[in-house]
Every structure is written in structure tokens, then in C-alpha cells.
Amino acid sequence: MDPVQIETYLRRLGVERPARPTSDALRELQLRHLQTVPFENLSIHLGEEIVLTEERLLGKVLGSGRGGFCYELNGAFAALLTALGFEVTLLAARVHVPGGGLGIPYDHLALRVRTVDAREWLVDVGFGGLCDEPLVWEERGEQRDGAGVFRLVEVADTGDLDVVKDGRPQYRLELRPRALGDFVAGAWWHRTSPESHFTRSLVCSRSTEDGGRVTLSGRKLKTTDAEGKSRARELADDAEVLAVYRERFGIELTRVPGVREAGVR
């Protein structure tokens, strides 16, 4: 990243450049990323190409004011953290699916981050509502933040880690370092397969500054407060949908996306 890109990214997050890559700075960056850069799969349904290179990811987040899903969000965030002096390792994960079992290889991208105070953290801004703050990598007991109670559980015989939230496994992390290009096949599958939940529905979601969450799924707008109480309503027309994308997520669209048939480019 060049200095202009770094400042543009920080300006979007609404934070000053940290003096040093500390744990406190990492916490602030993750929380602000969750609040300002939405988790969204609109590109799939708008027929936009998803390219996993740093240049294209930064162009989408900074130049187009968009968000993305795990590969895009954590990929772009990794570039920012690296530019700010953090040590970042990309990790592959497989998501625990309802009913048991694991998703495809390279199902998810998460980050292992080392700070200047010699601490390591699990960082994830691309799961669509996991933890508000980084999780302590070495800790195997309960870790609490505003989003829930978390544990990192070692998997017998493999050395992998299950990320557990409120007693429910979310995904299984492999510890081998990966490169962004390793996730191309996973991104293609999620963009094209009829078995991918991303091809079957629209989502645009972010954390809110008051500890809640706002989500737009098609025409359904759902808001949840910090206590977990939610309200939902159907938006009246295309104009209102476009206004919500613009006003609640900072996304300027010229047309309302609709769910596309899987495999259609």
C-alpha cells in the first residue's frame, strides 16, 4: 500500500494512524472496520468479478466504497495492518455447517496478527458478525466481548483450532500460513455454486456504533440493538432500497441487485 491508500483507508475507518502497531491499536482498527466496511455479497448478484489481489481488493474498499465477504474484507484489512507495521499471517478455515460437518477447503480466510508488544491475536472482520475485538491467540479459556463468549479449542490429532462462540463451533482454523492466491478456488465456489449460501441470498450487514447490527437482505431491513432485540420491515420500493444502501452502508448503487441464478456470470 502507498501512503495515500493508507490514509484513505484510515479515513474510511474514522481513526488516526496509530503511532505503533500495538494491541490497543489493533482492537480499535478491528472494531471500526466492523462498523464502517460492510459484510456484503452484492458483487455476486450484480455480475461483478471478484479478484483476489491486493490492488483489486483495495480498489473495491477504497475506490468504490464497498465491502465484501471474508476473502475481500480480511484480505484488504491484512494489507492495511501490514502497512501499519503489524505482522500478519493469512489462515484458511472450514466453516462448521448446520447439522454437523465442515465446509469446503479454503471456505474462510482469517488472520493471525502479532503486535509490537509480542502478543498474538485472531483477527476477523469478514465473518459477518463474529467477535467485536481480536481474540487472544494463546488463550484456551473463555474470552468475552460485546458479541459473545468465545473459546479457541484445539482439535485432537490435527493441531487445528475450532473457534467457538456461545458454545457453538463457528469454523476450524488450519495453522499453516497461506497466501491470498490460495483462496481463489474457494472464492470461485462461493460465487458460482448453487450449494453456496452466497448465491442463494443477498446480504449487506455491519455492526453499529451502539453495539447493535444493521442488515439488509434483499428488501428486508433488520436492526438489532446491543441487548439483542431486533426489528425488521420490508422496504417499499427500489428507491428506498437504494437509499438504505447509501445511507446505512455508504454504498452507491445505480440499480437494486437481485439474486442471480447460480453459475450465471
Protein backbone atom coordinates (compact mmCIF):
# COMPACT_ATOMS: atom_id res chain seq x y z
CA MET A 1 0.00 0.00 0.00
CA ASP A 2 1.18 3.51 -0.71
CA PRO A 3 0.81 6.38 1.80
CA VAL A 4 -2.28 7.77 0.06
CA GLN A 5 -4.05 4.40 0.24
CA ILE A 6 -3.17 4.04 3.91
CA GLU A 7 -4.58 7.47 4.76
CA THR A 8 -7.69 6.85 2.65
CA TYR A 9 -8.31 3.54 4.42
CA LEU A 10 -7.85 5.08 7.88
CA ARG A 11 -10.13 7.96 6.92
CA ARG A 12 -12.85 5.50 5.94
CA LEU A 13 -12.47 3.79 9.31
CA GLY A 14 -12.55 7.15 11.07
CA VAL A 15 -9.31 6.61 13.00
CA GLU A 16 -5.93 8.30 13.25
CA ARG A 17 -2.82 6.44 12.16
CA PRO A 18 -1.53 4.55 15.20
CA ALA A 19 1.90 5.58 16.39
CA ARG A 20 2.87 1.92 16.87
CA PRO A 21 1.32 -1.46 15.99
CA THR A 22 0.06 -2.18 19.50
CA SER A 23 -2.70 -4.43 20.79
CA ASP A 24 -4.84 -1.41 21.68
CA ALA A 25 -4.46 -0.03 18.17
CA LEU A 26 -5.44 -3.42 16.71
CA ARG A 27 -8.61 -3.52 18.83
CA GLU A 28 -9.66 -0.08 17.64
CA LEU A 29 -8.94 -0.89 13.99
CA GLN A 30 -10.95 -4.13 14.07
CA LEU A 31 -13.96 -2.57 15.78
CA ARG A 32 -14.05 0.41 13.45
CA HIS A 33 -13.68 -1.87 10.41
CA LEU A 34 -16.71 -3.87 11.52
CA GLN A 35 -18.69 -0.64 11.95
CA THR A 36 -17.74 1.04 8.67
CA VAL A 37 -16.94 -1.58 5.99
CA PRO A 38 -19.97 -3.81 5.43
CA PHE A 39 -20.02 -7.56 5.03
CA GLU A 40 -21.80 -7.95 1.68
CA ASN A 41 -22.12 -10.30 -1.29
CA LEU A 42 -23.57 -7.81 -3.76
CA SER A 43 -20.87 -8.39 -6.37
CA ILE A 44 -22.12 -11.95 -6.89
CA HIS A 45 -25.60 -10.71 -7.77
CA LEU A 46 -24.50 -7.63 -9.69
CA GLY A 47 -22.37 -9.77 -12.01
CA GLU A 48 -19.14 -8.15 -10.82
CA GLU A 49 -15.88 -10.04 -10.94
CA ILE A 50 -14.19 -10.87 -7.62
CA VAL A 51 -10.41 -10.76 -7.98
CA LEU A 52 -8.21 -11.71 -5.03
CA THR A 53 -5.29 -9.38 -5.48
CA GLU A 54 -4.34 -6.62 -3.08
CA GLU A 55 -4.74 -3.98 -5.80
CA ARG A 56 -8.28 -5.05 -6.71
CA LEU A 57 -9.40 -5.50 -3.10
CA LEU A 58 -8.16 -2.07 -2.10
CA GLY A 59 -9.75 -0.59 -5.20
CA LYS A 60 -13.11 -2.02 -4.15
CA VAL A 61 -12.91 -0.97 -0.48
CA LEU A 62 -11.26 2.42 -1.04
CA GLY A 63 -12.11 3.48 -4.57
CA SER A 64 -15.65 2.12 -4.77
CA GLY A 65 -16.62 2.50 -1.11
CA ARG A 66 -17.75 -1.12 -0.96
CA GLY A 67 -17.33 -4.05 1.40
CA GLY A 68 -17.23 -7.73 0.56
CA PHE A 69 -17.12 -11.16 2.14
CA CYS A 70 -14.32 -12.91 4.01
CA TYR A 71 -11.62 -13.11 1.36
CA GLU A 72 -12.12 -9.49 0.38
CA LEU A 73 -12.55 -7.95 3.83
CA ASN A 74 -9.81 -9.84 5.63
CA GLY A 75 -7.59 -9.62 2.55
CA ALA A 76 -7.86 -5.83 2.41
CA PHE A 77 -7.55 -5.50 6.20
CA ALA A 78 -4.39 -7.65 6.13
CA ALA A 79 -2.87 -5.21 3.64
CA LEU A 80 -3.65 -2.25 5.91
CA LEU A 81 -2.33 -3.96 9.05
CA THR A 82 0.88 -4.97 7.29
CA ALA A 83 1.39 -1.42 6.06
CA LEU A 84 0.95 -0.17 9.64
CA GLY A 85 3.68 -2.49 10.92
CA PHE A 86 1.70 -5.45 12.24
CA GLU A 87 2.91 -8.99 11.46
CA VAL A 88 0.05 -10.69 9.63
CA THR A 89 -0.42 -14.32 8.65
CA LEU A 90 -3.31 -15.45 6.45
CA LEU A 91 -5.04 -18.61 7.62
CA ALA A 92 -7.53 -20.92 5.94
CA ALA A 93 -10.60 -22.23 7.74
CA ARG A 94 -13.56 -24.51 7.09
CA VAL A 95 -16.91 -23.39 8.40
CA HIS A 96 -18.95 -25.68 10.65
CA VAL A 97 -22.18 -26.30 8.76
CA PRO A 98 -25.62 -26.82 10.36
CA GLY A 99 -26.24 -30.45 11.16
CA GLY A 100 -22.55 -31.24 11.51
CA GLY A 101 -19.57 -31.44 9.23
CA LEU A 102 -17.30 -28.85 7.68
CA GLY A 103 -17.49 -26.72 4.57
CA ILE A 104 -15.12 -26.79 1.63
CA PRO A 105 -11.34 -26.30 1.95
CA TYR A 106 -10.44 -22.59 1.89
CA ASP A 107 -14.02 -21.89 2.95
CA HIS A 108 -12.97 -18.87 5.01
CA LEU A 109 -9.99 -16.55 5.42
CA ALA A 110 -8.97 -15.27 8.87
CA LEU A 111 -5.87 -13.52 10.21
CA ARG A 112 -3.25 -14.26 12.84
CA VAL A 113 -1.71 -10.95 13.89
CA ARG A 114 1.35 -10.22 16.04
CA THR A 115 1.67 -6.81 17.69
CA VAL A 116 4.76 -4.89 18.78
CA ASP A 117 4.14 -5.92 22.40
CA ALA A 118 4.81 -9.55 21.34
CA ARG A 119 1.21 -10.70 21.64
CA GLU A 120 -0.67 -12.72 19.03
CA TRP A 121 -4.32 -12.39 18.10
CA LEU A 122 -7.01 -13.99 15.96
CA VAL A 123 -8.45 -11.16 13.87
CA ASP A 124 -11.55 -11.49 11.71
CA VAL A 125 -13.55 -8.69 10.06
CA GLY A 126 -15.04 -10.94 7.39
CA PHE A 127 -17.37 -13.45 9.05
CA GLY A 128 -20.46 -11.29 9.10
CA GLY A 129 -20.70 -10.83 12.86
CA LEU A 130 -18.22 -12.86 14.88
CA CYS A 131 -16.29 -11.01 17.61
CA ASP A 132 -16.02 -7.26 18.15
CA GLU A 133 -12.39 -7.44 19.29
CA PRO A 134 -9.42 -9.65 18.41
CA LEU A 135 -9.20 -12.92 20.34
CA VAL A 136 -6.05 -13.76 22.30
CA TRP A 137 -4.35 -16.47 20.27
CA GLU A 138 -2.76 -18.37 23.18
CA GLU A 139 -5.83 -18.29 25.45
CA ARG A 140 -7.84 -21.51 25.68
CA GLY A 141 -10.33 -20.36 28.30
CA GLU A 142 -13.37 -18.15 27.80
CA GLN A 143 -12.93 -14.77 26.13
CA ARG A 144 -15.78 -12.30 26.37
CA ASP A 145 -16.59 -9.23 24.34
CA GLY A 146 -19.73 -7.39 23.28
CA ALA A 147 -20.57 -10.02 20.67
CA GLY A 148 -20.48 -13.09 22.90
CA VAL A 149 -18.35 -15.62 24.75
CA PHE A 150 -15.54 -17.23 22.74
CA ARG A 151 -13.12 -20.11 23.06
CA LEU A 152 -10.30 -21.36 20.87
CA VAL A 153 -10.38 -25.16 21.17
CA GLU A 154 -7.53 -27.37 19.99
CA VAL A 155 -8.63 -30.22 17.73
CA ALA A 156 -7.14 -33.56 18.73
CA ASP A 157 -4.50 -35.05 16.41
CA THR A 158 -4.58 -32.20 13.88
CA GLY A 159 -3.35 -29.13 15.73
CA ASP A 160 -6.20 -27.13 14.18
CA LEU A 161 -8.31 -24.72 16.24
CA ASP A 162 -12.07 -24.61 16.48
CA VAL A 163 -13.41 -21.09 17.01
CA VAL A 164 -16.42 -21.42 19.32
CA LYS A 165 -18.96 -18.66 20.01
CA ASP A 166 -21.54 -19.02 22.80
CA GLY A 167 -20.91 -22.77 22.85
CA ARG A 168 -21.35 -23.28 19.09
CA PRO A 169 -18.37 -24.03 16.79
CA GLN A 170 -18.09 -21.42 14.03
CA TYR A 171 -15.11 -22.54 11.96
CA ARG A 172 -11.97 -24.70 12.11
CA LEU A 173 -8.67 -22.91 11.54
CA GLU A 174 -5.68 -24.54 9.92
CA LEU A 175 -2.41 -23.12 11.27
CA ARG A 176 -0.32 -23.30 8.08
CA PRO A 177 0.38 -19.82 6.64
CA ARG A 178 -1.40 -19.12 3.36
CA ALA A 179 -1.20 -16.61 0.53
CA LEU A 180 -4.14 -14.63 -0.86
CA GLY A 181 -3.98 -16.58 -4.11
CA ASP A 182 -4.64 -19.83 -2.26
CA PHE A 183 -8.26 -18.74 -1.74
CA VAL A 184 -9.15 -18.24 -5.42
CA ALA A 185 -10.87 -21.62 -5.73
CA GLY A 186 -12.88 -21.03 -2.56
CA ALA A 187 -14.00 -17.61 -3.77
CA TRP A 188 -14.99 -19.08 -7.15
CA TRP A 189 -17.05 -21.80 -5.43
CA HIS A 190 -18.86 -19.33 -3.21
CA ARG A 191 -19.54 -17.09 -6.21
CA THR A 192 -20.87 -19.81 -8.53
CA SER A 193 -22.05 -22.92 -6.69
CA PRO A 194 -25.78 -23.46 -6.07
CA GLU A 195 -24.69 -25.03 -2.77
CA SER A 196 -23.14 -21.78 -1.57
CA HIS A 197 -25.39 -19.68 0.66
CA PHE A 198 -23.92 -16.60 -1.03
CA THR A 199 -25.50 -17.49 -4.38
CA ARG A 200 -28.90 -18.10 -2.80
CA SER A 201 -29.38 -14.83 -0.96
CA LEU A 202 -28.40 -11.17 -0.75
CA VAL A 203 -26.82 -9.71 2.36
CA CYS A 204 -25.33 -6.38 3.40
CA SER A 205 -24.56 -6.04 7.10
CA ARG A 206 -22.39 -4.13 9.57
CA SER A 207 -22.00 -3.53 13.28
CA THR A 208 -23.37 -0.26 14.63
CA GLU A 209 -21.67 2.20 16.94
CA ASP A 210 -24.16 1.48 19.75
CA GLY A 211 -23.25 -2.21 19.85
CA GLY A 212 -26.03 -3.46 17.59
CA ARG A 213 -26.22 -4.52 13.97
CA VAL A 214 -28.00 -3.44 10.80
CA THR A 215 -28.64 -5.90 7.96
CA LEU A 216 -30.31 -5.57 4.57
CA SER A 217 -31.29 -8.89 2.96
CA GLY A 218 -32.97 -8.19 -0.35
CA ARG A 219 -35.78 -5.82 0.69
CA LYS A 220 -35.84 -6.80 4.36
CA LEU A 221 -34.15 -4.34 6.70
CA LYS A 222 -33.32 -5.69 10.16
CA THR A 223 -31.84 -3.74 13.06
CA THR A 224 -30.64 -5.31 16.30
CA ASP A 225 -29.70 -3.38 19.42
CA ALA A 226 -26.95 -4.15 21.93
CA GLU A 227 -29.35 -6.23 24.04
CA GLY A 228 -30.24 -8.44 21.08
CA LYS A 229 -33.72 -7.02 20.48
CA SER A 230 -34.46 -6.79 16.77
CA ARG A 231 -36.90 -5.09 14.45
CA ALA A 232 -37.49 -5.88 10.80
CA ARG A 233 -39.50 -4.32 7.99
CA GLU A 234 -39.94 -4.70 4.26
CA LEU A 235 -38.78 -1.75 2.20
CA ALA A 236 -41.41 -0.28 -0.08
CA ASP A 237 -39.66 0.13 -3.42
CA ASP A 238 -36.35 0.30 -5.28
CA ALA A 239 -35.80 3.92 -4.32
CA GLU A 240 -35.99 3.07 -0.63
CA VAL A 241 -33.67 0.09 -1.07
CA LEU A 242 -31.06 2.23 -2.83
CA ALA A 243 -31.40 4.89 -0.14
CA VAL A 244 -30.73 2.33 2.61
CA TYR A 245 -27.64 1.04 0.81
CA ARG A 246 -26.42 4.63 0.54
CA GLU A 247 -27.37 5.99 3.96
CA ARG A 248 -26.83 2.94 6.19
CA PHE A 249 -23.88 1.29 4.40
CA GLY A 250 -22.25 4.05 2.32
CA ILE A 251 -22.78 2.05 -0.89
CA GLU A 252 -23.86 3.91 -4.02
CA LEU A 253 -25.69 1.66 -6.48
CA THR A 254 -27.43 2.52 -9.74
CA ARG A 255 -29.79 -0.45 -9.57
CA VAL A 256 -31.15 -2.81 -6.97
CA PRO A 257 -29.40 -6.18 -7.04
CA GLY A 258 -31.48 -9.33 -7.22
CA VAL A 259 -30.50 -12.92 -6.56
CA ARG A 260 -28.94 -14.36 -9.72
CA GLU A 261 -29.09 -17.96 -10.82
CA ALA A 262 -26.01 -19.80 -9.54
CA GLY A 263 -23.36 -20.25 -12.20
CA VAL A 264 -24.60 -17.34 -14.31
CA ARG A 265 -21.79 -14.87 -14.91
